């Protein structure tokens, strides 16, 4: 992969989504040419960067090839997915088609058009419940939901891509990404976005189980930085799996207290993992990356954005 100083052409799938639109904005800011592929099923048109080319298209579509043929990208960031565990439990077939078949289609097309590298979004959910923490990349995965299994399948296809198609692919295991721009009105919104909207509506926060389950939340700017570094890092050969997470884990009760609102406790939810805390040594070694934004600061920034956006 060429040095980062060289301006390149990138395709970003899911570029109208939460992480995706932050990534596109950063790539454009760095002077790169960006094309977004998104079917707007979970992303929104207002998130499309004005300087990015946009194709409203499902990643499973054969028409994806037309975009690659036209753009001739140097690299691909594959973020498009149906990202919620509960949705995958309710619709394992539809989410498997989107998250597995869609990923295979993107990787096959990227290889066909000789893309130099692909960076794919995976998930900490592939770990499931492990006997020890922190979670590190050489642990045996233990997926507990269709979504987790789908992301693990994507990682396996990514590993094969180098050997079968000479396409280096890096899989980034994201841990609970949050920050400004999260859609608190969406059924796909993660806990921080939902709690913010519920506080505004004076509704009690639904907490599944006792609320002591923990997550290694990671601020969106840190996630974008790691993702871009994975595209340009010199030591990447293909097939790597890398954790992208905050330094510490925080309970759902703690998140609720930081946002400030009433709680209501419900039965534990099927497919949910109890605890996540990440080992990020490999990210530091391969990418020179470590999270910079402390959780309290990230929550404060997100609350300030929410209050301005939804006042």
Protein backbone atom coordinates (compact mmCIF):
# COMPACT_ATOMS: atom_id res chain seq x y z
CA UNK A 1 0.00 0.00 0.00
CA UNK A 2 1.31 3.42 -0.94
CA UNK A 3 2.27 5.97 1.73
CA UNK A 4 -0.63 7.87 3.26
CA UNK A 5 0.55 11.17 1.79
CA UNK A 6 -0.48 10.00 -1.68
CA UNK A 7 -4.10 10.86 -2.46
CA UNK A 8 -6.12 7.82 -3.44
CA UNK A 9 -9.57 6.65 -4.53
CA UNK A 10 -11.68 4.75 -2.02
CA UNK A 11 -15.05 3.05 -1.97
CA UNK A 12 -16.82 3.12 1.41
CA UNK A 13 -19.78 0.77 1.81
CA UNK A 14 -22.16 1.94 4.51
CA UNK A 15 -20.88 5.48 4.08
CA UNK A 16 -24.27 6.92 5.04
CA UNK A 17 -24.17 5.19 8.41
CA UNK A 18 -22.88 6.37 11.76
CA UNK A 19 -19.24 5.24 11.56
CA UNK A 20 -19.25 5.39 7.77
CA UNK A 21 -20.08 9.08 7.45
CA UNK A 22 -17.39 10.01 9.98
CA UNK A 23 -14.90 7.92 7.99
CA UNK A 24 -15.91 9.52 4.68
CA UNK A 25 -15.57 13.01 6.15
CA UNK A 26 -12.07 12.23 7.37
CA UNK A 27 -11.01 10.73 4.04
CA UNK A 28 -12.32 13.76 2.16
CA UNK A 29 -10.58 16.06 4.64
CA UNK A 30 -7.33 14.20 3.93
CA UNK A 31 -7.77 14.90 0.22
CA UNK A 32 -8.86 11.48 -1.00
CA UNK A 33 -11.56 10.76 -3.58
CA UNK A 34 -14.47 8.87 -2.00
CA UNK A 35 -17.39 6.91 -3.42
CA UNK A 36 -20.17 5.75 -1.09
CA UNK A 37 -22.29 2.65 -1.64
CA UNK A 38 -25.28 2.48 0.72
CA UNK A 39 -28.88 1.28 0.39
CA UNK A 40 -30.01 3.73 3.13
CA UNK A 41 -31.71 0.94 5.08
CA UNK A 42 -30.04 2.12 8.27
CA UNK A 43 -27.99 5.10 7.06
CA UNK A 44 -29.53 8.42 6.04
CA UNK A 45 -29.14 10.58 2.96
CA UNK A 46 -28.25 13.62 5.07
CA UNK A 47 -25.09 11.75 6.11
CA UNK A 48 -23.78 11.60 2.54
CA UNK A 49 -20.79 13.91 2.28
CA UNK A 50 -21.33 16.58 -0.42
CA UNK A 51 -17.89 15.89 -1.89
CA UNK A 52 -18.41 12.12 -2.12
CA UNK A 53 -19.99 10.33 -5.06
CA UNK A 54 -23.01 8.31 -3.96
CA UNK A 55 -24.66 5.16 -5.28
CA UNK A 56 -27.86 4.02 -3.61
CA UNK A 57 -27.30 0.31 -3.91
CA UNK A 58 -27.45 -2.90 -1.90
CA UNK A 59 -24.06 -4.54 -1.39
CA UNK A 60 -25.54 -7.84 -2.61
CA UNK A 61 -26.43 -6.32 -5.98
CA UNK A 62 -24.56 -7.36 -9.15
CA UNK A 63 -24.52 -3.64 -9.98
CA UNK A 64 -21.76 -3.20 -7.40
CA UNK A 65 -19.40 -4.32 -10.17
CA UNK A 66 -20.40 -1.30 -12.28
CA UNK A 67 -19.29 1.04 -9.49
CA UNK A 68 -15.93 -0.68 -9.08
CA UNK A 69 -15.39 -0.66 -12.84
CA UNK A 70 -16.08 3.07 -12.99
CA UNK A 71 -14.17 4.14 -9.87
CA UNK A 72 -11.19 1.78 -10.07
CA UNK A 73 -10.55 2.23 -6.33
CA UNK A 74 -7.19 1.86 -4.64
CA UNK A 75 -8.86 0.59 -1.48
CA UNK A 76 -12.23 -0.42 -0.03
CA UNK A 77 -13.64 0.22 3.42
CA UNK A 78 -16.48 -2.25 3.96
CA UNK A 79 -18.73 -1.05 6.78
CA UNK A 80 -22.19 -1.81 5.40
CA UNK A 81 -24.12 -4.26 7.58
CA UNK A 82 -27.22 -4.84 9.65
CA UNK A 83 -25.49 -4.33 12.96
CA UNK A 84 -27.90 -5.22 15.75
CA UNK A 85 -27.90 -8.51 17.66
CA UNK A 86 -31.67 -8.47 18.41
CA UNK A 87 -32.50 -7.87 14.75
CA UNK A 88 -30.34 -10.84 13.74
CA UNK A 89 -32.12 -13.04 16.29
CA UNK A 90 -35.49 -12.07 14.82
CA UNK A 91 -34.34 -12.34 11.19
CA UNK A 92 -31.36 -14.70 10.90
CA UNK A 93 -31.94 -15.34 7.18
CA UNK A 94 -32.22 -11.74 6.03
CA UNK A 95 -29.33 -10.55 8.16
CA UNK A 96 -27.14 -13.43 6.97
CA UNK A 97 -27.82 -12.47 3.38
CA UNK A 98 -26.86 -8.86 4.08
CA UNK A 99 -23.89 -9.48 6.34
CA UNK A 100 -22.34 -12.58 4.77
CA UNK A 101 -23.45 -12.68 1.12
CA UNK A 102 -23.04 -8.90 0.90
CA UNK A 103 -19.51 -9.09 2.29
CA UNK A 104 -18.54 -11.89 -0.08
CA UNK A 105 -19.85 -9.85 -3.01
CA UNK A 106 -17.79 -6.82 -2.01
CA UNK A 107 -14.61 -8.86 -1.50
CA UNK A 108 -15.06 -10.79 -4.76
CA UNK A 109 -15.57 -7.57 -6.70
CA UNK A 110 -12.64 -5.87 -4.99
CA UNK A 111 -10.40 -8.76 -5.98
CA UNK A 112 -11.73 -8.74 -9.53
CA UNK A 113 -10.76 -5.08 -9.92
CA UNK A 114 -7.36 -5.53 -8.26
CA UNK A 115 -8.00 -3.35 -5.23
CA UNK A 116 -4.81 -3.00 -3.20
CA UNK A 117 -6.39 -3.55 0.21
CA UNK A 118 -9.77 -3.88 1.92
CA UNK A 119 -10.59 -2.99 5.51
CA UNK A 120 -13.73 -4.66 6.87
CA UNK A 121 -15.77 -3.91 9.97
CA UNK A 122 -16.11 -6.91 12.23
CA UNK A 123 -17.41 -6.97 15.80
CA UNK A 124 -16.40 -7.77 19.36
CA UNK A 125 -19.53 -9.94 19.48
CA UNK A 126 -17.59 -12.78 17.82
CA UNK A 127 -15.88 -13.44 21.17
CA UNK A 128 -19.12 -14.27 22.96
CA UNK A 129 -18.65 -15.06 26.65
CA UNK A 130 -15.04 -15.92 27.46
CA UNK A 131 -13.63 -17.26 30.73
CA UNK A 132 -10.98 -14.55 30.98
CA UNK A 133 -10.59 -10.87 30.17
CA UNK A 134 -9.32 -8.86 28.40
CA UNK A 135 -10.39 -10.23 25.04
CA UNK A 136 -7.50 -10.77 22.64
CA UNK A 137 -7.48 -11.74 19.00
CA UNK A 138 -6.07 -15.26 19.37
CA UNK A 139 -8.95 -16.41 21.61
CA UNK A 140 -11.29 -19.03 20.15
CA UNK A 141 -14.46 -17.19 19.07
CA UNK A 142 -17.71 -18.14 20.77
CA UNK A 143 -20.51 -16.38 18.85
CA UNK A 144 -23.86 -16.32 20.66
CA UNK A 145 -26.07 -14.68 18.03
CA UNK A 146 -26.60 -14.82 14.27
CA UNK A 147 -24.97 -11.38 14.00
CA UNK A 148 -21.83 -12.58 15.77
CA UNK A 149 -21.70 -15.69 13.59
CA UNK A 150 -22.14 -13.55 10.47
CA UNK A 151 -19.25 -11.31 11.45
CA UNK A 152 -17.06 -14.32 12.18
CA UNK A 153 -17.91 -15.75 8.74
CA UNK A 154 -16.85 -12.42 7.24
CA UNK A 155 -13.48 -12.71 8.98
CA UNK A 156 -12.96 -16.20 7.55
CA UNK A 157 -13.78 -15.00 4.04
CA UNK A 158 -11.35 -12.12 4.60
CA UNK A 159 -8.59 -14.58 5.51
CA UNK A 160 -9.24 -16.62 2.38
CA UNK A 161 -9.21 -13.57 0.13
CA UNK A 162 -5.43 -13.22 0.23
CA UNK A 163 -4.71 -16.86 -0.62
CA UNK A 164 -7.44 -17.33 -3.22
CA UNK A 165 -7.69 -13.90 -4.83
CA UNK A 166 -4.51 -12.06 -3.79
CA UNK A 167 -6.59 -9.46 -1.95
CA UNK A 168 -5.20 -8.35 1.44
CA UNK A 169 -8.10 -7.82 3.87
CA UNK A 170 -7.95 -6.54 7.45
CA UNK A 171 -10.87 -7.24 9.81
CA UNK A 172 -11.44 -4.66 12.55
CA UNK A 173 -13.29 -5.92 15.62
CA UNK A 174 -15.15 -2.79 16.74
CA UNK A 175 -16.25 -2.55 20.37
CA UNK A 176 -19.42 -0.46 20.99
CA UNK A 177 -18.72 2.67 18.98
CA UNK A 178 -20.37 5.91 20.11
CA UNK A 179 -20.15 9.66 19.55
CA UNK A 180 -21.79 12.61 17.78
CA UNK A 181 -23.89 11.61 14.80
CA UNK A 182 -25.30 8.44 16.31
CA UNK A 183 -28.98 8.13 15.39
CA UNK A 184 -30.92 7.94 18.67
CA UNK A 185 -34.25 7.58 16.85
CA UNK A 186 -33.33 4.38 15.02
CA UNK A 187 -34.23 0.88 16.14
CA UNK A 188 -30.59 0.08 15.35
CA UNK A 189 -29.28 2.73 17.75
CA UNK A 190 -26.87 1.55 20.42
CA UNK A 191 -27.45 2.04 24.12
CA UNK A 192 -25.95 5.55 24.46
CA UNK A 193 -28.09 6.97 21.65
CA UNK A 194 -31.23 5.33 23.01
CA UNK A 195 -30.61 6.56 26.55
CA UNK A 196 -30.08 10.13 25.35
CA UNK A 197 -33.39 10.15 23.50
CA UNK A 198 -35.23 8.50 26.39
CA UNK A 199 -33.89 11.09 28.81
CA UNK A 200 -35.21 13.85 26.54
CA UNK A 201 -38.62 12.13 26.56
CA UNK A 202 -38.42 11.55 30.32
CA UNK A 203 -38.68 7.80 29.78
CA UNK A 204 -37.00 5.20 31.98
CA UNK A 205 -33.91 3.51 30.50
CA UNK A 206 -34.58 -0.19 29.76
CA UNK A 207 -31.71 -2.25 31.15
CA UNK A 208 -31.62 -5.95 30.33
CA UNK A 209 -30.45 -8.03 33.31
CA UNK A 210 -28.85 -6.38 36.33
CA UNK A 211 -27.04 -3.68 34.34
CA UNK A 212 -23.61 -4.82 35.49
CA UNK A 213 -22.72 -6.16 32.05
CA UNK A 214 -19.75 -4.18 30.72
CA UNK A 215 -18.70 -2.83 27.35
CA UNK A 216 -15.41 -1.39 26.03
CA UNK A 217 -16.93 1.71 24.46
CA UNK A 218 -14.80 3.44 21.83
CA UNK A 219 -15.26 7.01 20.60
CA UNK A 220 -16.00 7.28 16.89
CA UNK A 221 -13.01 9.51 16.05
CA UNK A 222 -10.68 6.91 17.55
CA UNK A 223 -12.39 4.19 15.49
CA UNK A 224 -11.99 6.20 12.29
CA UNK A 225 -8.31 6.77 13.04
CA UNK A 226 -7.71 3.04 13.54
CA UNK A 227 -9.64 2.17 10.37
CA UNK A 228 -7.62 4.54 8.22
CA UNK A 229 -4.36 3.36 9.75
CA UNK A 230 -5.35 -0.21 8.81
CA UNK A 231 -5.62 0.86 5.17
CA UNK A 232 -2.16 2.41 5.07
CA UNK A 233 -0.08 0.45 7.60
CA UNK A 234 3.02 -1.08 6.01
CA UNK A 235 3.12 -4.27 8.09
CA UNK A 236 -0.27 -5.57 6.93
CA UNK A 237 -0.19 -8.73 4.81
CA UNK A 238 -3.85 -9.69 4.83
CA UNK A 239 -6.02 -11.83 7.08
CA UNK A 240 -5.26 -9.87 10.25
CA UNK A 241 -7.98 -9.42 12.88
CA UNK A 242 -7.53 -6.37 15.12
CA UNK A 243 -9.43 -5.16 18.20
CA UNK A 244 -10.54 -1.52 18.17
CA UNK A 245 -11.75 -0.52 21.62
CA UNK A 246 -11.55 1.89 24.50
CA UNK A 247 -8.98 1.35 27.23
CA UNK A 248 -11.51 0.50 29.94
CA UNK A 249 -14.84 -1.27 30.23
CA UNK A 250 -17.94 0.41 31.68
CA UNK A 251 -21.19 -1.09 32.92
CA UNK A 252 -24.59 -0.24 31.48
CA UNK A 253 -25.55 1.10 34.90
CA UNK A 254 -22.58 3.47 34.74
CA UNK A 255 -23.63 4.70 31.29
CA UNK A 256 -27.16 5.31 32.58
CA UNK A 257 -25.82 7.26 35.55
CA UNK A 258 -23.53 9.39 33.36
CA UNK A 259 -26.39 10.31 31.04
CA UNK A 260 -28.71 10.78 34.00
CA UNK A 261 -32.14 9.23 34.00
CA UNK A 262 -34.50 6.70 35.50
CA UNK A 263 -33.87 2.98 35.01
CA UNK A 264 -36.14 0.00 34.55
CA UNK A 265 -34.72 -3.51 34.72
CA UNK A 266 -35.91 -6.19 32.32
CA UNK A 267 -35.13 -9.85 31.73
CA UNK A 268 -31.73 -10.57 30.11
CA UNK A 269 -31.88 -10.45 26.31
CA UNK A 270 -31.13 -13.47 24.13
CA UNK A 271 -27.75 -13.33 22.40
CA UNK A 272 -26.27 -10.60 24.59
CA UNK A 273 -22.74 -10.99 25.94
CA UNK A 274 -22.08 -10.27 29.61
CA UNK A 275 -18.68 -8.59 29.54
CA UNK A 276 -16.29 -7.10 27.00
CA UNK A 277 -12.91 -5.62 27.78
CA UNK A 278 -10.38 -5.47 25.00
CA UNK A 279 -6.69 -6.09 24.64
CA UNK A 280 -5.48 -3.53 22.08
CA UNK A 281 -1.79 -4.49 22.03
CA UNK A 282 -2.01 -5.76 18.45
CA UNK A 283 -3.54 -2.48 17.22
CA UNK A 284 -0.65 -0.59 18.78
CA UNK A 285 1.90 -3.01 17.30
CA UNK A 286 0.52 -3.22 13.74
CA UNK A 287 -1.11 0.19 13.37
CA UNK A 288 0.58 2.41 15.91
CA UNK A 289 -2.90 3.09 17.30
CA UNK A 290 -4.37 3.44 20.74
CA UNK A 291 -7.57 5.19 21.88
CA UNK A 292 -7.17 8.86 22.79
CA UNK A 293 -10.61 10.06 23.93
CA UNK A 294 -11.45 9.19 27.58
CA UNK A 295 -14.96 7.82 28.11
CA UNK A 296 -16.14 10.73 30.27
CA UNK A 297 -14.98 13.22 27.64
CA UNK A 298 -16.57 11.22 24.84
CA UNK A 299 -19.89 11.07 26.70
CA UNK A 300 -19.73 14.83 27.34
CA UNK A 301 -19.09 15.52 23.63
CA UNK A 302 -21.93 13.21 22.63
CA UNK A 303 -24.36 14.80 25.11
CA UNK A 304 -23.42 18.31 23.90
CA UNK A 305 -23.99 17.27 20.28
CA UNK A 306 -27.32 15.65 21.14
CA UNK A 307 -28.57 18.70 23.05
CA UNK A 308 -27.73 20.94 20.11
CA UNK A 309 -29.14 18.56 17.48
CA UNK A 310 -32.38 17.69 19.30
CA UNK A 311 -33.08 20.87 21.28
